[in-house]
Amino acid sequence: MTYAYSNEVLRLKEKLPKFLQITIGRRLFELSLTCADQIVVANSTEEKLPHMKVAGLSIERSWMLIRMLHDNKGISRGEMQGVSERLSDISKQLTAWMKWERERLKQKDGAKPVPAK
């Protein structure tokens, strides 16, 4: 899902006006890659939560940039809606995974709570 999102962001970036492409578009694409990368790392390591948190922060920052692109007429309302829906799906999946991981750690450590943030 994050791979498809990164590809979608890349396609949007390429059609932006030059100024938006090299500023907001470049940053949005970097954040999409950071999110995907952190999810891959979290999936293959024992210490998942720190990587999940970085991925979640990348999602939050991406929403701000998507809105900025729309407000500056870089993307249409439909494009904003499409990319926002995909990002929302990733966010929901990541949130559920983080909840599962916290519960797993709580069970592993006995009753020792795992902080939410």
Protein backbone atom coordinates (compact mmCIF):
# COMPACT_ATOMS: atom_id res chain seq x y z
CA MET A 1 0.00 0.00 0.00
CA THR A 2 2.81 2.46 0.81
CA TYR A 3 4.55 1.50 -2.44
CA ALA A 4 1.42 2.40 -4.42
CA TYR A 5 1.12 5.65 -2.46
CA SER A 6 4.76 6.56 -3.22
CA ASN A 7 4.16 5.89 -6.92
CA GLU A 8 1.04 8.04 -6.86
CA VAL A 9 2.95 10.89 -5.20
CA LEU A 10 5.73 10.57 -7.79
CA ARG A 11 3.20 10.86 -10.63
CA LEU A 12 1.63 13.92 -9.00
CA LYS A 13 5.05 15.48 -8.39
CA GLU A 14 6.04 15.15 -12.04
CA LYS A 15 3.02 17.13 -13.25
CA LEU A 16 3.35 19.99 -10.77
CA PRO A 17 4.52 23.45 -11.83
CA LYS A 18 8.31 23.67 -11.51
CA PHE A 19 8.36 25.70 -8.28
CA LEU A 20 5.92 23.38 -6.49
CA GLN A 21 7.71 20.35 -7.92
CA ILE A 22 11.09 21.27 -6.45
CA THR A 23 9.73 22.46 -3.11
CA ILE A 24 6.58 20.80 -1.81
CA GLY A 25 6.51 17.96 -4.34
CA ARG A 26 10.05 16.86 -3.58
CA ARG A 27 9.42 16.94 0.18
CA LEU A 28 6.15 15.02 -0.16
CA PHE A 29 7.86 12.32 -2.21
CA GLU A 30 10.69 12.07 0.36
CA LEU A 31 8.13 11.67 3.14
CA SER A 32 6.33 8.93 1.20
CA LEU A 33 9.62 7.06 0.84
CA THR A 34 10.42 7.57 4.54
CA CYS A 35 7.04 6.14 5.48
CA ALA A 36 7.49 3.10 3.23
CA ASP A 37 11.06 2.57 4.41
CA GLN A 38 10.13 2.74 8.09
CA ILE A 39 7.29 0.27 7.61
CA VAL A 40 9.67 -2.17 5.91
CA VAL A 41 12.20 -1.78 8.72
CA ALA A 42 9.51 -2.16 11.41
CA ASN A 43 8.30 -5.32 9.71
CA SER A 44 11.74 -6.90 9.90
CA THR A 45 12.93 -5.92 13.37
CA GLU A 46 12.03 -6.74 16.96
CA GLU A 47 11.87 -3.05 17.97
CA LYS A 48 8.92 -2.07 15.79
CA LEU A 49 7.37 0.90 17.61
CA PRO A 50 10.12 3.49 17.01
CA HIS A 51 9.92 2.84 13.25
CA MET A 52 6.13 2.88 13.30
CA LYS A 53 6.18 6.24 15.05
CA VAL A 54 8.47 7.72 12.37
CA ALA A 55 6.14 6.35 9.67
CA GLY A 56 3.15 7.90 11.47
CA LEU A 57 4.87 11.25 11.71
CA SER A 58 5.67 11.09 7.98
CA ILE A 59 1.97 10.55 7.30
CA GLU A 60 0.97 13.55 9.40
CA ARG A 61 3.50 15.78 7.69
CA SER A 62 2.38 14.50 4.28
CA TRP A 63 -1.22 15.55 4.91
CA MET A 64 -0.05 19.10 5.55
CA LEU A 65 1.89 19.17 2.27
CA ILE A 66 -0.99 17.65 0.30
CA ARG A 67 -3.26 20.38 1.61
CA MET A 68 -0.65 22.99 0.72
CA LEU A 69 -0.40 21.64 -2.83
CA HIS A 70 -4.16 21.83 -3.20
CA ASP A 71 -4.38 25.33 -1.71
CA ASN A 72 -1.69 26.52 -4.17
CA LYS A 73 -3.50 24.95 -7.14
CA GLY A 74 -0.84 22.30 -7.68
CA ILE A 75 -3.34 19.45 -7.50
CA SER A 76 -7.07 19.26 -8.09
CA ARG A 77 -9.68 18.49 -5.47
CA GLY A 78 -10.06 15.00 -6.96
CA GLU A 79 -6.31 14.36 -6.82
CA MET A 80 -6.20 15.60 -3.25
CA GLN A 81 -9.11 13.36 -2.33
CA GLY A 82 -7.54 10.31 -3.98
CA VAL A 83 -4.12 10.69 -2.38
CA SER A 84 -5.69 11.58 0.99
CA GLU A 85 -7.84 8.43 0.92
CA ARG A 86 -4.81 6.25 0.23
CA LEU A 87 -2.87 7.99 3.00
CA SER A 88 -5.83 7.55 5.35
CA ASP A 89 -5.89 3.82 4.63
CA ILE A 90 -2.16 3.57 5.40
CA SER A 91 -2.66 5.56 8.61
CA LYS A 92 -5.50 3.31 9.79
CA GLN A 93 -3.50 0.20 9.06
CA LEU A 94 -0.45 1.60 10.85
CA THR A 95 -2.53 2.64 13.89
CA ALA A 96 -4.00 -0.85 14.17
CA TRP A 97 -0.55 -2.40 13.83
CA MET A 98 0.82 -0.12 16.57
CA LYS A 99 -2.05 -1.09 18.87
CA TRP A 100 -1.37 -4.77 18.19
CA GLU A 101 2.35 -4.29 18.85
CA ARG A 102 1.71 -2.50 22.17
CA GLU A 103 -0.56 -5.34 23.27
CA ARG A 104 2.04 -7.89 22.22
CA LEU A 105 4.71 -6.09 24.22
CA LYS A 106 2.42 -5.77 27.22
CA GLN A 107 1.80 -9.53 27.19
CA LYS A 108 5.48 -10.24 26.67
CA ASP A 109 6.52 -8.02 29.59
CA GLY A 110 3.71 -9.11 31.89
CA ALA A 111 1.51 -6.22 32.95
CA LYS A 112 4.12 -3.53 32.26
CA PRO A 113 2.33 -0.85 30.14
CA VAL A 114 3.81 0.41 26.89
CA PRO A 115 3.49 4.19 26.46
CA ALA A 116 1.24 5.40 23.62
CA LYS A 117 3.65 8.11 22.44
